[in-house]
Amino acid sequence: MGETLYSSTYHPDPKSALDVLAFVLTPVAAFSTDPDEIEAVTEILGAAKAEAIERWQLLRDESRQQ
């Protein structure tokens, strides 16, 4: 079975390295192409991507300890 590339009902799994990587590597243009918004979107996404990585690492470490 292949990976789901797009689905409007798709919910990324914060425990999945593949899901986190896909989010982190998604370019800002996928979220906004409006020149007036791009700077704000870039800033917000930067924080969200960093948080996604931190959560994934925390969840990975917790599962290793169990």
C-alpha atoms as a PDB file:
ATOM      1  CA  MET A   1       0.000   0.000   0.000  1.00  0.00           C
ATOM      2  CA  GLY A   2       1.374   3.440  -0.964  1.00  0.00           C
ATOM      3  CA  GLU A   3       1.560   6.641   1.009  1.00  0.00           C
ATOM      4  CA  THR A   4      -1.314   9.124   0.796  1.00  0.00           C
ATOM      5  CA  LEU A   5      -0.048  12.161  -1.072  1.00  0.00           C
ATOM      6  CA  TYR A   6      -3.086  14.363  -0.594  1.00  0.00           C
ATOM      7  CA  SER A   7      -6.395  14.054   1.149  1.00  0.00           C
ATOM      8  CA  SER A   8      -8.614  16.735   2.584  1.00  0.00           C
ATOM      9  CA  THR A   9      -9.264  14.466   5.566  1.00  0.00           C
ATOM     10  CA  TYR A  10      -5.593  13.626   6.114  1.00  0.00           C
ATOM     11  CA  HIS A  11      -4.249  14.269   9.610  1.00  0.00           C
ATOM     12  CA  PRO A  12      -0.460  14.028   9.984  1.00  0.00           C
ATOM     13  CA  ASP A  13       0.860  11.757  12.675  1.00  0.00           C
ATOM     14  CA  PRO A  14       3.284  13.654  14.948  1.00  0.00           C
ATOM     15  CA  LYS A  15       4.988  10.320  15.711  1.00  0.00           C
ATOM     16  CA  SER A  16       5.725   9.655  12.036  1.00  0.00           C
ATOM     17  CA  ALA A  17       9.128  10.823  10.821  1.00  0.00           C
ATOM     18  CA  LEU A  18       7.756  10.768   7.268  1.00  0.00           C
ATOM     19  CA  ASP A  19       4.815  13.030   8.140  1.00  0.00           C
ATOM     20  CA  VAL A  20       7.024  15.478  10.023  1.00  0.00           C
ATOM     21  CA  LEU A  21       9.609  15.510   7.240  1.00  0.00           C
ATOM     22  CA  ALA A  22       6.914  16.122   4.618  1.00  0.00           C
ATOM     23  CA  PHE A  23       5.628  19.112   6.596  1.00  0.00           C
ATOM     24  CA  VAL A  24       9.092  20.518   7.242  1.00  0.00           C
ATOM     25  CA  LEU A  25      10.083  20.238   3.577  1.00  0.00           C
ATOM     26  CA  THR A  26       6.851  21.750   2.224  1.00  0.00           C
ATOM     27  CA  PRO A  27       7.717  25.132   0.725  1.00  0.00           C
ATOM     28  CA  VAL A  28       6.077  28.300   2.015  1.00  0.00           C
ATOM     29  CA  ALA A  29       4.456  28.811  -1.410  1.00  0.00           C
ATOM     30  CA  ALA A  30       2.226  25.814  -0.685  1.00  0.00           C
ATOM     31  CA  PHE A  31       0.647  27.809   2.146  1.00  0.00           C
ATOM     32  CA  SER A  32       0.542  31.283   0.594  1.00  0.00           C
ATOM     33  CA  THR A  33       1.490  32.998  -2.648  1.00  0.00           C
ATOM     34  CA  ASP A  34       0.277  36.440  -1.599  1.00  0.00           C
ATOM     35  CA  PRO A  35       3.327  38.742  -1.473  1.00  0.00           C
ATOM     36  CA  ASP A  36       1.730  40.706   1.357  1.00  0.00           C
ATOM     37  CA  GLU A  37       1.400  37.568   3.493  1.00  0.00           C
ATOM     38  CA  ILE A  38       4.560  35.645   2.611  1.00  0.00           C
ATOM     39  CA  GLU A  39       6.747  37.159   5.348  1.00  0.00           C
ATOM     40  CA  ALA A  40       4.195  36.447   8.095  1.00  0.00           C
ATOM     41  CA  VAL A  41       3.525  32.957   6.763  1.00  0.00           C
ATOM     42  CA  THR A  42       7.264  32.247   6.640  1.00  0.00           C
ATOM     43  CA  GLU A  43       7.661  33.318  10.265  1.00  0.00           C
ATOM     44  CA  ILE A  44       4.673  31.307  11.489  1.00  0.00           C
ATOM     45  CA  LEU A  45       5.689  28.227   9.512  1.00  0.00           C
ATOM     46  CA  GLY A  46       9.245  28.434  10.798  1.00  0.00           C
ATOM     47  CA  ALA A  47       7.958  28.230  14.355  1.00  0.00           C
ATOM     48  CA  ALA A  48       5.461  25.478  13.492  1.00  0.00           C
ATOM     49  CA  LYS A  49       8.099  23.409  11.708  1.00  0.00           C
ATOM     50  CA  ALA A  50      10.506  23.723  14.629  1.00  0.00           C
ATOM     51  CA  GLU A  51       7.713  22.677  17.016  1.00  0.00           C
ATOM     52  CA  ALA A  52       6.854  19.670  14.827  1.00  0.00           C
ATOM     53  CA  ILE A  53      10.474  18.499  14.947  1.00  0.00           C
ATOM     54  CA  GLU A  54      10.695  18.997  18.717  1.00  0.00           C
ATOM     55  CA  ARG A  55       7.458  17.076  19.304  1.00  0.00           C
ATOM     56  CA  TRP A  56       8.575  14.241  17.030  1.00  0.00           C
ATOM     57  CA  GLN A  57      11.892  13.973  18.899  1.00  0.00           C
ATOM     58  CA  LEU A  58      10.120  13.999  22.277  1.00  0.00           C
ATOM     59  CA  LEU A  59       7.637  11.320  21.176  1.00  0.00           C
ATOM     60  CA  ARG A  60      10.454   9.224  19.688  1.00  0.00           C
ATOM     61  CA  ASP A  61      12.461   9.457  22.926  1.00  0.00           C
ATOM     62  CA  GLU A  62       9.401   8.541  25.003  1.00  0.00           C
ATOM     63  CA  SER A  63       8.682   5.470  22.874  1.00  0.00           C
ATOM     64  CA  ARG A  64      12.318   4.352  23.160  1.00  0.00           C
ATOM     65  CA  GLN A  65      12.144   4.534  26.955  1.00  0.00           C
ATOM     66  CA  GLN A  66       9.098   2.265  27.132  1.00  0.00           C
END
